[in-house]
Amino acid sequence: MKSRANRVKDILDSGRYDDAWDYYPFNSGYFMCLKLKTVDAEALRTHILDKYGVGTIALGETDLRVAFSCTEESSIDDLFAIIYQGVKDLEKVASPAK
């Protein structure tokens, strides 16, 4: 569990996703929460479940809970890439090109 949590922190601290979210402090437990900057958590939750088959939990308007405990360490990069892609998908819908 600790190695998964460390991998998640490495990914989140990389800066790749800073435009989409911040994250709340977490330890090597089972879950962590993203604080979304540009999209609604429930809209993102349903979008990534329907389009990408990734399940998360929306907590209010901005917080998305992610269970890294049930994700293989080798798939954690993909998990956050999918969540990020979901954010970008929703941003495009909210601001269609003119």
C-alpha atoms as a PDB file:
ATOM      1  CA  MET A   1       0.000   0.000   0.000  1.00  0.00           C
ATOM      2  CA  LYS A   2       2.786   2.409   0.891  1.00  0.00           C
ATOM      3  CA  SER A   3       4.498   1.998  -2.465  1.00  0.00           C
ATOM      4  CA  ARG A   4       1.206   2.741  -4.242  1.00  0.00           C
ATOM      5  CA  ALA A   5       0.694   5.850  -2.125  1.00  0.00           C
ATOM      6  CA  ASN A   6       4.242   6.976  -2.892  1.00  0.00           C
ATOM      7  CA  ARG A   7       3.655   6.446  -6.613  1.00  0.00           C
ATOM      8  CA  VAL A   8       0.460   8.517  -6.429  1.00  0.00           C
ATOM      9  CA  LYS A   9       2.324  11.324  -4.647  1.00  0.00           C
ATOM     10  CA  ASP A  10       5.104  11.232  -7.257  1.00  0.00           C
ATOM     11  CA  ILE A  11       2.560  11.580 -10.051  1.00  0.00           C
ATOM     12  CA  LEU A  12       0.633  14.349  -8.334  1.00  0.00           C
ATOM     13  CA  ASP A  13       3.809  16.249  -7.435  1.00  0.00           C
ATOM     14  CA  SER A  14       5.117  16.032 -11.013  1.00  0.00           C
ATOM     15  CA  GLY A  15       3.197  19.136 -12.071  1.00  0.00           C
ATOM     16  CA  ARG A  16       1.584  17.390 -15.065  1.00  0.00           C
ATOM     17  CA  TYR A  17      -1.919  17.900 -13.712  1.00  0.00           C
ATOM     18  CA  ASP A  18      -1.596  21.213 -11.895  1.00  0.00           C
ATOM     19  CA  ASP A  19      -4.020  22.928 -14.278  1.00  0.00           C
ATOM     20  CA  ALA A  20      -6.767  20.415 -13.456  1.00  0.00           C
ATOM     21  CA  TRP A  21      -6.523  19.794  -9.711  1.00  0.00           C
ATOM     22  CA  ASP A  22      -4.770  20.086  -6.389  1.00  0.00           C
ATOM     23  CA  TYR A  23      -4.793  17.248  -3.903  1.00  0.00           C
ATOM     24  CA  TYR A  24      -5.478  16.945  -0.231  1.00  0.00           C
ATOM     25  CA  PRO A  25      -2.770  15.461   2.013  1.00  0.00           C
ATOM     26  CA  PHE A  26      -3.013  11.687   2.357  1.00  0.00           C
ATOM     27  CA  ASN A  27      -1.012   8.768   3.700  1.00  0.00           C
ATOM     28  CA  SER A  28      -0.612   5.162   2.676  1.00  0.00           C
ATOM     29  CA  GLY A  29      -4.262   4.354   3.314  1.00  0.00           C
ATOM     30  CA  TYR A  30      -6.775   3.357   0.688  1.00  0.00           C
ATOM     31  CA  PHE A  31      -8.081   6.633  -0.728  1.00  0.00           C
ATOM     32  CA  MET A  32      -7.045  10.143  -1.628  1.00  0.00           C
ATOM     33  CA  CYS A  33      -9.001  13.202  -2.801  1.00  0.00           C
ATOM     34  CA  LEU A  34      -8.448  15.549  -5.695  1.00  0.00           C
ATOM     35  CA  LYS A  35      -9.683  19.132  -5.488  1.00  0.00           C
ATOM     36  CA  LEU A  36     -10.862  19.863  -9.018  1.00  0.00           C
ATOM     37  CA  LYS A  37     -10.243  23.336 -10.421  1.00  0.00           C
ATOM     38  CA  THR A  38     -12.334  23.510 -13.586  1.00  0.00           C
ATOM     39  CA  VAL A  39     -15.066  20.847 -13.655  1.00  0.00           C
ATOM     40  CA  ASP A  40     -17.794  19.516 -11.388  1.00  0.00           C
ATOM     41  CA  ALA A  41     -16.846  16.359  -9.481  1.00  0.00           C
ATOM     42  CA  GLU A  42     -20.118  14.522 -10.156  1.00  0.00           C
ATOM     43  CA  ALA A  43     -19.992  15.349 -13.863  1.00  0.00           C
ATOM     44  CA  LEU A  44     -16.419  14.049 -14.013  1.00  0.00           C
ATOM     45  CA  ARG A  45     -17.290  10.947 -12.002  1.00  0.00           C
ATOM     46  CA  THR A  46     -20.084   9.929 -14.351  1.00  0.00           C
ATOM     47  CA  HIS A  47     -18.120  10.859 -17.476  1.00  0.00           C
ATOM     48  CA  ILE A  48     -15.044   8.778 -16.675  1.00  0.00           C
ATOM     49  CA  LEU A  49     -17.212   5.878 -15.535  1.00  0.00           C
ATOM     50  CA  ASP A  50     -19.288   5.908 -18.730  1.00  0.00           C
ATOM     51  CA  LYS A  51     -16.480   6.617 -21.202  1.00  0.00           C
ATOM     52  CA  TYR A  52     -13.419   5.009 -19.607  1.00  0.00           C
ATOM     53  CA  GLY A  53     -14.819   2.511 -17.088  1.00  0.00           C
ATOM     54  CA  VAL A  54     -13.082   4.210 -14.153  1.00  0.00           C
ATOM     55  CA  GLY A  55     -15.014   4.460 -10.905  1.00  0.00           C
ATOM     56  CA  THR A  56     -14.469   7.248  -8.393  1.00  0.00           C
ATOM     57  CA  ILE A  57     -16.608   8.994  -5.772  1.00  0.00           C
ATOM     58  CA  ALA A  58     -17.722  12.622  -5.979  1.00  0.00           C
ATOM     59  CA  LEU A  59     -17.748  14.471  -2.668  1.00  0.00           C
ATOM     60  CA  GLY A  60     -19.423  17.822  -3.195  1.00  0.00           C
ATOM     61  CA  GLU A  61     -18.782  20.039  -6.198  1.00  0.00           C
ATOM     62  CA  THR A  62     -14.989  19.970  -6.310  1.00  0.00           C
ATOM     63  CA  ASP A  63     -13.726  16.857  -4.552  1.00  0.00           C
ATOM     64  CA  LEU A  64     -13.138  13.531  -6.275  1.00  0.00           C
ATOM     65  CA  ARG A  65     -12.168  10.548  -4.145  1.00  0.00           C
ATOM     66  CA  VAL A  66      -9.840   8.016  -5.764  1.00  0.00           C
ATOM     67  CA  ALA A  67      -9.198   4.530  -4.373  1.00  0.00           C
ATOM     68  CA  PHE A  68      -5.606   3.802  -5.268  1.00  0.00           C
ATOM     69  CA  SER A  69      -5.694   0.700  -3.063  1.00  0.00           C
ATOM     70  CA  CYS A  70      -7.538  -1.287  -5.720  1.00  0.00           C
ATOM     71  CA  THR A  71      -5.248  -0.190  -8.568  1.00  0.00           C
ATOM     72  CA  GLU A  72      -2.098  -2.076  -9.448  1.00  0.00           C
ATOM     73  CA  GLU A  73       0.953   0.108  -8.955  1.00  0.00           C
ATOM     74  CA  SER A  74       1.822  -0.320 -12.633  1.00  0.00           C
ATOM     75  CA  SER A  75      -1.588   1.147 -13.592  1.00  0.00           C
ATOM     76  CA  ILE A  76      -1.564   4.228 -11.361  1.00  0.00           C
ATOM     77  CA  ASP A  77      -0.084   6.469 -14.078  1.00  0.00           C
ATOM     78  CA  ASP A  78      -2.871   5.381 -16.429  1.00  0.00           C
ATOM     79  CA  LEU A  79      -5.517   6.007 -13.772  1.00  0.00           C
ATOM     80  CA  PHE A  80      -4.552   9.654 -13.333  1.00  0.00           C
ATOM     81  CA  ALA A  81      -4.056  10.122 -17.074  1.00  0.00           C
ATOM     82  CA  ILE A  82      -7.647   8.936 -17.605  1.00  0.00           C
ATOM     83  CA  ILE A  83      -9.000  11.238 -14.911  1.00  0.00           C
ATOM     84  CA  TYR A  84      -7.101  14.119 -16.510  1.00  0.00           C
ATOM     85  CA  GLN A  85      -8.423  13.229 -19.954  1.00  0.00           C
ATOM     86  CA  GLY A  86     -11.921  13.232 -18.484  1.00  0.00           C
ATOM     87  CA  VAL A  87     -11.343  16.752 -17.166  1.00  0.00           C
ATOM     88  CA  LYS A  88     -10.170  17.867 -20.609  1.00  0.00           C
ATOM     89  CA  ASP A  89     -13.184  16.182 -22.264  1.00  0.00           C
ATOM     90  CA  LEU A  90     -15.564  18.110 -19.991  1.00  0.00           C
ATOM     91  CA  GLU A  91     -13.690  21.380 -20.477  1.00  0.00           C
ATOM     92  CA  LYS A  92     -14.159  21.029 -24.253  1.00  0.00           C
ATOM     93  CA  VAL A  93     -17.902  20.526 -23.803  1.00  0.00           C
ATOM     94  CA  ALA A  94     -18.112  23.590 -21.547  1.00  0.00           C
ATOM     95  CA  SER A  95     -16.093  25.754 -23.962  1.00  0.00           C
ATOM     96  CA  PRO A  96     -16.634  24.458 -27.496  1.00  0.00           C
ATOM     97  CA  ALA A  97     -14.342  25.834 -30.202  1.00  0.00           C
ATOM     98  CA  LYS A  98     -15.816  28.728 -32.149  1.00  0.00           C
END
